[in-house]
C-alpha atoms as a PDB file:
ATOM      1  CA  MET A   1      11.340  23.810  -6.695  1.00  0.00           C
ATOM      2  CA  ASN A   2       8.696  26.249  -5.800  1.00  0.00           C
ATOM      3  CA  ARG A   3       6.220  24.710  -8.274  1.00  0.00           C
ATOM      4  CA  ILE A   4       7.119  21.108  -6.950  1.00  0.00           C
ATOM      5  CA  ALA A   5       6.369  22.398  -3.378  1.00  0.00           C
ATOM      6  CA  LYS A   6       3.063  23.929  -4.492  1.00  0.00           C
ATOM      7  CA  VAL A   7       1.899  20.548  -6.038  1.00  0.00           C
ATOM      8  CA  THR A   8       2.955  18.741  -2.890  1.00  0.00           C
ATOM      9  CA  ARG A   9       0.743  21.121  -0.845  1.00  0.00           C
ATOM     10  CA  LEU A  10      -2.091  20.666  -3.391  1.00  0.00           C
ATOM     11  CA  GLN A  11      -1.858  16.954  -2.955  1.00  0.00           C
ATOM     12  CA  MET A  12      -2.035  17.333   0.642  1.00  0.00           C
ATOM     13  CA  ASN A  13      -4.923  19.765   0.956  1.00  0.00           C
ATOM     14  CA  LYS A  14      -7.247  16.961   2.464  1.00  0.00           C
ATOM     15  CA  PRO A  15      -5.593  15.944   5.715  1.00  0.00           C
ATOM     16  CA  ASP A  16      -8.651  14.078   6.856  1.00  0.00           C
ATOM     17  CA  VAL A  17      -8.178  11.664   4.009  1.00  0.00           C
ATOM     18  CA  THR A  18      -4.103  11.896   3.803  1.00  0.00           C
ATOM     19  CA  PHE A  19      -3.604  11.537   7.516  1.00  0.00           C
ATOM     20  CA  ALA A  20      -6.747  10.433   9.387  1.00  0.00           C
ATOM     21  CA  VAL A  21      -8.038   7.655   7.183  1.00  0.00           C
ATOM     22  CA  PRO A  22      -4.963   5.452   7.537  1.00  0.00           C
ATOM     23  CA  LEU A  23      -5.349   5.909  11.327  1.00  0.00           C
ATOM     24  CA  TYR A  24      -8.963   4.558  11.187  1.00  0.00           C
ATOM     25  CA  ILE A  25      -7.997   1.674   9.020  1.00  0.00           C
ATOM     26  CA  LEU A  26      -5.208   0.732  11.403  1.00  0.00           C
ATOM     27  CA  GLY A  27      -7.561   0.985  14.398  1.00  0.00           C
ATOM     28  CA  ILE A  28     -10.059  -1.084  12.788  1.00  0.00           C
ATOM     29  CA  VAL A  29      -7.485  -3.865  12.134  1.00  0.00           C
ATOM     30  CA  MET A  30      -6.366  -3.793  15.798  1.00  0.00           C
ATOM     31  CA  VAL A  31     -10.002  -4.187  17.020  1.00  0.00           C
ATOM     32  CA  ILE A  32     -10.607  -7.160  14.671  1.00  0.00           C
ATOM     33  CA  SER A  33      -6.991  -8.572  15.750  1.00  0.00           C
ATOM     34  CA  VAL A  34      -8.111  -8.384  19.465  1.00  0.00           C
ATOM     35  CA  ILE A  35     -11.380 -10.071  18.791  1.00  0.00           C
ATOM     36  CA  ILE A  36      -9.519 -13.047  16.923  1.00  0.00           C
ATOM     37  CA  VAL A  37      -6.879 -13.229  19.646  1.00  0.00           C
ATOM     38  CA  LEU A  38      -9.372 -13.439  22.432  1.00  0.00           C
ATOM     39  CA  ALA A  39     -11.481 -16.160  20.468  1.00  0.00           C
ATOM     40  CA  ILE A  40      -8.085 -18.177  20.174  1.00  0.00           C
ATOM     41  CA  GLN A  41      -7.254 -17.872  23.583  1.00  0.00           C
ATOM     42  CA  ARG A  42     -10.781 -18.787  24.736  1.00  0.00           C
ATOM     43  CA  ALA A  43     -10.380 -21.883  22.593  1.00  0.00           C
ATOM     44  CA  GLY A  44      -7.421 -23.051  24.798  1.00  0.00           C
ATOM     45  CA  SER A  45      -4.409 -21.519  23.275  1.00  0.00           C
ATOM     46  CA  ASP A  46      -1.426 -20.567  25.745  1.00  0.00           C
ATOM     47  CA  PRO A  47      -0.115 -16.970  24.954  1.00  0.00           C
ATOM     48  CA  GLY A  48       2.916 -17.833  26.586  1.00  0.00           C
ATOM     49  CA  SER A  49       3.749 -20.917  24.481  1.00  0.00           C
ATOM     50  CA  ALA A  50       6.517 -20.880  21.738  1.00  0.00           C
ATOM     51  CA  ASP A  51       4.123 -22.297  19.275  1.00  0.00           C
ATOM     52  CA  TYR A  52       1.517 -19.433  19.961  1.00  0.00           C
ATOM     53  CA  VAL A  53       4.094 -16.758  19.376  1.00  0.00           C
ATOM     54  CA  VAL A  54       5.189 -18.438  16.236  1.00  0.00           C
ATOM     55  CA  GLY A  55       1.605 -18.594  14.963  1.00  0.00           C
ATOM     56  CA  ALA A  56       0.782 -14.956  16.198  1.00  0.00           C
ATOM     57  CA  ARG A  57       3.840 -13.362  14.372  1.00  0.00           C
ATOM     58  CA  MET A  58       2.430 -14.760  11.145  1.00  0.00           C
ATOM     59  CA  ASN A  59      -0.482 -12.276  11.552  1.00  0.00           C
ATOM     60  CA  MET A  60      -0.703 -10.427   8.164  1.00  0.00           C
ATOM     61  CA  GLY A  61      -3.543  -8.079   8.992  1.00  0.00           C
ATOM     62  CA  MET A  62      -1.593  -4.847   9.140  1.00  0.00           C
ATOM     63  CA  VAL A  63       0.418  -5.972   5.902  1.00  0.00           C
ATOM     64  CA  TRP A  64      -2.913  -6.265   4.038  1.00  0.00           C
ATOM     65  CA  SER A  65      -4.857  -3.465   5.604  1.00  0.00           C
ATOM     66  CA  LEU A  66      -3.665  -0.319   3.517  1.00  0.00           C
ATOM     67  CA  PRO A  67      -2.560  -1.258   0.236  1.00  0.00           C
ATOM     68  CA  GLY A  68      -6.105  -1.161  -1.340  1.00  0.00           C
ATOM     69  CA  PHE A  69      -6.607   2.368   0.126  1.00  0.00           C
ATOM     70  CA  LEU A  70      -3.121   3.488  -0.744  1.00  0.00           C
ATOM     71  CA  ILE A  71      -3.543   2.581  -4.314  1.00  0.00           C
ATOM     72  CA  TYR A  72      -6.905   4.249  -4.498  1.00  0.00           C
ATOM     73  CA  LEU A  73      -5.308   7.398  -3.079  1.00  0.00           C
ATOM     74  CA  GLY A  74      -2.507   7.247  -5.597  1.00  0.00           C
ATOM     75  CA  VAL A  75      -5.079   7.102  -8.469  1.00  0.00           C
ATOM     76  CA  GLN A  76      -7.061  10.012  -7.296  1.00  0.00           C
ATOM     77  CA  ALA A  77      -3.991  12.111  -6.444  1.00  0.00           C
ATOM     78  CA  VAL A  78      -3.099  12.154 -10.214  1.00  0.00           C
ATOM     79  CA  SER A  79      -6.506  11.863 -11.800  1.00  0.00           C
ATOM     80  CA  THR A  80      -8.264  14.554  -9.919  1.00  0.00           C
ATOM     81  CA  THR A  81      -5.533  17.068  -9.418  1.00  0.00           C
ATOM     82  CA  PHE A  82      -3.794  17.185 -12.821  1.00  0.00           C
ATOM     83  CA  PRO A  83      -6.135  19.447 -14.621  1.00  0.00           C
ATOM     84  CA  PHE A  84      -6.309  21.966 -11.666  1.00  0.00           C
ATOM     85  CA  ALA A  85      -2.543  21.890 -11.186  1.00  0.00           C
ATOM     86  CA  LEU A  86      -2.077  22.800 -14.870  1.00  0.00           C
ATOM     87  CA  ALA A  87      -4.473  25.548 -14.863  1.00  0.00           C
ATOM     88  CA  LEU A  88      -2.489  27.073 -12.019  1.00  0.00           C
ATOM     89  CA  GLY A  89       0.493  27.135 -14.030  1.00  0.00           C
ATOM     90  CA  THR A  90       2.364  23.940 -12.946  1.00  0.00           C
ATOM     91  CA  THR A  91       4.553  22.080 -15.481  1.00  0.00           C
ATOM     92  CA  ARG A  92       3.905  18.460 -16.036  1.00  0.00           C
ATOM     93  CA  ARG A  93       7.314  17.649 -14.654  1.00  0.00           C
ATOM     94  CA  ALA A  94       6.760  19.642 -11.608  1.00  0.00           C
ATOM     95  CA  PHE A  95       3.441  17.809 -11.043  1.00  0.00           C
ATOM     96  CA  VAL A  96       4.854  14.413 -11.264  1.00  0.00           C
ATOM     97  CA  ALA A  97       7.848  15.383  -8.839  1.00  0.00           C
ATOM     98  CA  GLY A  98       5.508  17.188  -6.576  1.00  0.00           C
ATOM     99  CA  THR A  99       3.284  14.174  -6.297  1.00  0.00           C
ATOM    100  CA  ALA A 100       6.085  11.850  -5.697  1.00  0.00           C
ATOM    101  CA  LEU A 101       7.152  14.194  -2.821  1.00  0.00           C
ATOM    102  CA  ALA A 102       3.823  14.057  -1.260  1.00  0.00           C
ATOM    103  CA  ASN A 103       3.642  10.149  -1.513  1.00  0.00           C
ATOM    104  CA  LEU A 104       7.101  10.197   0.208  1.00  0.00           C
ATOM    105  CA  ILE A 105       5.764  12.493   3.077  1.00  0.00           C
ATOM    106  CA  GLN A 106       2.774  10.208   3.505  1.00  0.00           C
ATOM    107  CA  SER A 107       4.834   7.182   3.345  1.00  0.00           C
ATOM    108  CA  ALA A 108       7.039   8.345   6.259  1.00  0.00           C
ATOM    109  CA  TYR A 109       3.971   9.601   8.164  1.00  0.00           C
ATOM    110  CA  ILE A 110       2.463   5.991   8.121  1.00  0.00           C
ATOM    111  CA  ALA A 111       5.778   4.430   8.804  1.00  0.00           C
ATOM    112  CA  LEU A 112       6.276   6.649  11.978  1.00  0.00           C
ATOM    113  CA  VAL A 113       2.734   5.766  13.067  1.00  0.00           C
ATOM    114  CA  MET A 114       3.315   2.246  12.784  1.00  0.00           C
ATOM    115  CA  LEU A 115       6.830   2.601  14.621  1.00  0.00           C
ATOM    116  CA  ALA A 116       5.161   4.294  17.325  1.00  0.00           C
ATOM    117  CA  LEU A 117       2.568   1.547  17.512  1.00  0.00           C
ATOM    118  CA  LEU A 118       5.223  -0.983  17.731  1.00  0.00           C
ATOM    119  CA  GLY A 119       6.935   0.716  20.594  1.00  0.00           C
ATOM    120  CA  LEU A 120       3.579   0.692  22.540  1.00  0.00           C
ATOM    121  CA  GLU A 121       3.041  -3.068  21.604  1.00  0.00           C
ATOM    122  CA  LEU A 122       6.410  -4.126  22.966  1.00  0.00           C
ATOM    123  CA  LEU A 123       6.120  -1.729  26.073  1.00  0.00           C
ATOM    124  CA  THR A 124       2.759  -3.144  26.797  1.00  0.00           C
ATOM    125  CA  ASN A 125       4.044  -6.815  26.300  1.00  0.00           C
ATOM    126  CA  HIS A 126       1.814  -6.949  23.176  1.00  0.00           C
ATOM    127  CA  TRP A 127      -1.092  -4.949  24.405  1.00  0.00           C
ATOM    128  CA  PHE A 128      -1.406  -7.082  27.579  1.00  0.00           C
ATOM    129  CA  LEU A 129      -3.138  -9.753  25.612  1.00  0.00           C
ATOM    130  CA  GLY A 130      -0.388 -11.498  23.832  1.00  0.00           C
ATOM    131  CA  LEU A 131      -1.731  -9.725  20.763  1.00  0.00           C
ATOM    132  CA  TYR A 132       1.014  -9.615  17.795  1.00  0.00           C
ATOM    133  CA  VAL A 133      -0.215  -6.713  15.473  1.00  0.00           C
ATOM    134  CA  LEU A 134       3.172  -5.082  14.470  1.00  0.00           C
ATOM    135  CA  ASP A 135       5.787  -7.491  16.106  1.00  0.00           C
ATOM    136  CA  ILE A 136       5.368  -9.800  13.095  1.00  0.00           C
ATOM    137  CA  TYR A 137       7.833 -11.619  10.810  1.00  0.00           C
ATOM    138  CA  ALA A 138       6.716  -9.570   7.792  1.00  0.00           C
ATOM    139  CA  PHE A 139       7.911  -6.369   9.660  1.00  0.00           C
ATOM    140  CA  GLY A 140      11.046  -7.978  11.043  1.00  0.00           C
ATOM    141  CA  ALA A 141       9.647  -9.574  14.256  1.00  0.00           C
ATOM    142  CA  GLY A 142       9.997  -6.597  16.403  1.00  0.00           C
ATOM    143  CA  ASN A 143      12.939  -4.851  14.575  1.00  0.00           C
ATOM    144  CA  PRO A 144      11.979  -1.078  14.448  1.00  0.00           C
ATOM    145  CA  LEU A 145      14.287  -0.214  11.604  1.00  0.00           C
ATOM    146  CA  GLN A 146      13.144  -3.026   9.380  1.00  0.00           C
ATOM    147  CA  LEU A 147       9.492  -2.056  10.090  1.00  0.00           C
ATOM    148  CA  PHE A 148      10.013   1.416   9.357  1.00  0.00           C
ATOM    149  CA  LEU A 149      11.792   0.675   5.955  1.00  0.00           C
ATOM    150  CA  THR A 150       9.329  -1.963   5.065  1.00  0.00           C
ATOM    151  CA  VAL A 151       6.320   0.392   5.536  1.00  0.00           C
ATOM    152  CA  LEU A 152       7.998   3.348   4.032  1.00  0.00           C
ATOM    153  CA  ILE A 153       9.095   1.542   0.880  1.00  0.00           C
ATOM    154  CA  GLY A 154       5.738  -0.437   0.678  1.00  0.00           C
ATOM    155  CA  THR A 155       3.453   2.640   1.078  1.00  0.00           C
ATOM    156  CA  PHE A 156       5.504   4.605  -1.335  1.00  0.00           C
ATOM    157  CA  LEU A 157       5.251   1.643  -3.894  1.00  0.00           C
ATOM    158  CA  CYS A 158       1.490   1.472  -3.566  1.00  0.00           C
ATOM    159  CA  LEU A 159       0.939   5.137  -3.955  1.00  0.00           C
ATOM    160  CA  SER A 160       3.150   5.085  -7.106  1.00  0.00           C
ATOM    161  CA  ILE A 161       1.368   2.198  -8.581  1.00  0.00           C
ATOM    162  CA  GLY A 162      -1.905   4.027  -7.894  1.00  0.00           C
ATOM    163  CA  GLY A 163      -0.459   7.049  -9.555  1.00  0.00           C
ATOM    164  CA  VAL A 164       0.535   5.346 -12.868  1.00  0.00           C
ATOM    165  CA  PHE A 165      -2.996   3.921 -13.117  1.00  0.00           C
ATOM    166  CA  GLY A 166      -4.403   7.314 -12.422  1.00  0.00           C
ATOM    167  CA  ALA A 167      -2.209   8.782 -15.157  1.00  0.00           C
ATOM    168  CA  ILE A 168      -3.210   6.088 -17.821  1.00  0.00           C
ATOM    169  CA  TRP A 169      -6.946   6.833 -16.926  1.00  0.00           C
ATOM    170  CA  VAL A 170      -6.384  10.495 -17.547  1.00  0.00           C
ATOM    171  CA  ARG A 171      -4.424   9.742 -20.789  1.00  0.00           C
ATOM    172  CA  PHE A 172      -6.387   7.029 -22.316  1.00  0.00           C
ATOM    173  CA  GLY A 173      -9.708   6.903 -20.627  1.00  0.00           C
ATOM    174  CA  ALA A 174     -11.532   4.219 -18.753  1.00  0.00           C
ATOM    175  CA  LYS A 175     -10.003   1.439 -21.069  1.00  0.00           C
ATOM    176  CA  GLY A 176      -6.362   2.296 -20.159  1.00  0.00           C
ATOM    177  CA  PRO A 177      -6.299   0.966 -16.763  1.00  0.00           C
ATOM    178  CA  THR A 178      -8.170  -2.291 -17.737  1.00  0.00           C
ATOM    179  CA  ILE A 179      -5.739  -2.790 -20.531  1.00  0.00           C
ATOM    180  CA  LEU A 180      -2.787  -2.108 -18.396  1.00  0.00           C
ATOM    181  CA  GLY A 181      -4.217  -4.540 -15.602  1.00  0.00           C
ATOM    182  CA  LEU A 182      -4.637  -7.248 -18.170  1.00  0.00           C
ATOM    183  CA  ALA A 183      -1.130  -6.726 -19.643  1.00  0.00           C
ATOM    184  CA  LEU A 184       0.487  -6.890 -16.216  1.00  0.00           C
ATOM    185  CA  GLY A 185      -1.595 -10.021 -15.372  1.00  0.00           C
ATOM    186  CA  LEU A 186      -0.334 -11.768 -18.654  1.00  0.00           C
ATOM    187  CA  VAL A 187       3.242 -10.803 -18.019  1.00  0.00           C
ATOM    188  CA  LEU A 188       3.056 -12.116 -14.540  1.00  0.00           C
ATOM    189  CA  ALA A 189       1.238 -15.457 -15.573  1.00  0.00           C
ATOM    190  CA  ILE A 190       4.093 -15.919 -18.254  1.00  0.00           C
ATOM    191  CA  ALA A 191       6.923 -15.258 -15.787  1.00  0.00           C
ATOM    192  CA  ILE A 192       5.400 -17.715 -13.228  1.00  0.00           C
ATOM    193  CA  LEU A 193       5.170 -20.367 -16.116  1.00  0.00           C
ATOM    194  CA  LEU A 194       8.786 -19.667 -17.315  1.00  0.00           C
ATOM    195  CA  LEU A 195      10.266 -19.519 -13.712  1.00  0.00           C
ATOM    196  CA  VAL A 196       8.246 -22.022 -11.719  1.00  0.00           C
ATOM    197  CA  PRO A 197      11.046 -24.876 -12.037  1.00  0.00           C
ATOM    198  CA  TYR A 198      13.489 -22.207 -10.408  1.00  0.00           C
ATOM    199  CA  PHE A 199      11.190 -21.043  -7.574  1.00  0.00           C
ATOM    200  CA  GLY A 200      13.142 -22.907  -4.912  1.00  0.00           C
ATOM    201  CA  GLU A 201      16.445 -21.347  -5.932  1.00  0.00           C
ATOM    202  CA  ILE A 202      14.801 -17.987  -6.371  1.00  0.00           C
ATOM    203  CA  PHE A 203      13.141 -17.739  -2.990  1.00  0.00           C
ATOM    204  CA  ALA A 204      16.341 -19.267  -1.227  1.00  0.00           C
ATOM    205  CA  ALA A 205      18.435 -16.280  -2.851  1.00  0.00           C
ATOM    206  CA  MET A 206      15.906 -13.685  -1.850  1.00  0.00           C
ATOM    207  CA  THR A 207      16.892 -11.189   1.085  1.00  0.00           C
ATOM    208  CA  GLU A 208      15.226  -8.219   2.624  1.00  0.00           C
ATOM    209  CA  GLY A 209      17.576  -6.133   0.713  1.00  0.00           C
ATOM    210  CA  THR A 210      16.837  -7.601  -2.736  1.00  0.00           C
ATOM    211  CA  LEU A 211      13.097  -7.262  -1.901  1.00  0.00           C
ATOM    212  CA  ALA A 212      13.681  -3.654  -0.778  1.00  0.00           C
ATOM    213  CA  LEU A 213      15.620  -2.822  -4.010  1.00  0.00           C
ATOM    214  CA  GLY A 214      12.831  -4.552  -6.204  1.00  0.00           C
ATOM    215  CA  ALA A 215      10.250  -2.455  -4.635  1.00  0.00           C
ATOM    216  CA  ILE A 216      12.027   0.726  -5.050  1.00  0.00           C
ATOM    217  CA  ALA A 217      12.751  -0.179  -8.612  1.00  0.00           C
ATOM    218  CA  ALA A 218       9.137  -0.919  -9.322  1.00  0.00           C
ATOM    219  CA  ALA A 219       8.152   2.502  -7.688  1.00  0.00           C
ATOM    220  CA  VAL A 220      10.658   4.348  -9.937  1.00  0.00           C
ATOM    221  CA  VAL A 221       9.182   2.571 -12.931  1.00  0.00           C
ATOM    222  CA  ALA A 222       5.756   3.652 -11.906  1.00  0.00           C
ATOM    223  CA  LEU A 223       6.861   7.218 -11.379  1.00  0.00           C
ATOM    224  CA  LEU A 224       8.504   7.021 -14.849  1.00  0.00           C
ATOM    225  CA  GLY A 225       5.218   5.718 -16.493  1.00  0.00           C
ATOM    226  CA  THR A 226       3.175   8.444 -14.850  1.00  0.00           C
ATOM    227  CA  TRP A 227       5.624  10.969 -16.313  1.00  0.00           C
ATOM    228  CA  LEU A 228       5.520   9.475 -19.869  1.00  0.00           C
ATOM    229  CA  CYS A 229       1.729   9.565 -19.635  1.00  0.00           C
ATOM    230  CA  MET A 230       1.554  13.131 -18.367  1.00  0.00           C
ATOM    231  CA  ARG A 231       3.777  14.437 -21.124  1.00  0.00           C
ATOM    232  CA  ARG A 232       1.041  13.970 -23.677  1.00  0.00           C
ATOM    233  CA  THR A 233      -2.034  14.160 -21.748  1.00  0.00           C
ATOM    234  CA  ALA A 234      -4.526  16.780 -22.775  1.00  0.00           C
ATOM    235  CA  VAL A 235      -6.218  18.865 -19.983  1.00  0.00           C
ATOM    236  CA  ARG A 236      -9.879  18.048 -19.869  1.00  0.00           C
END
């Protein structure tokens, strides 16, 4: 357990990247959202109308703002610290477990930040401008618990996906992530081809619970893939 905790501390030794950069990204998205909302309102939209609220709650800015950065962070968390961690005497199993724990801590941090922002958004009647940034359908339309769990699981998934790509890069070199990406794209294309006649039934059967379980399962698979790569990776 001590080795796992040391890896976790190692992964979080850059608080400016781990904790500050997500805040910068969220702030930029909010500024852009304000500009867009003001433009829409100047075009004649009524912030108090039902149609406006429905359209505003489809805002996906916050949903797509962090995944790219989080996947990058997951990649570098594995690829840059693995040799150093092993040089300090950490086992490969402890490295993967400690990295997963660091991912979970960061996921909880981002989820709590967004939860606090949602509280401010509701308290200020959507930032005094009819601005729907976090009170959106993708996050439960103002449901604090759903927002927290969605962000927590989604962030952990992105970090875990980045981690497995980083592990494959360390194990197989630059061609590894490319081959994995192409393989995943091929599998996805074949799945779409086979399942497209049943999309209506599949989407109708989906619930928040099934999506959450699917995301958790994908994160576990990514962590398992990271561990399998790390087992035989030479320290360079």
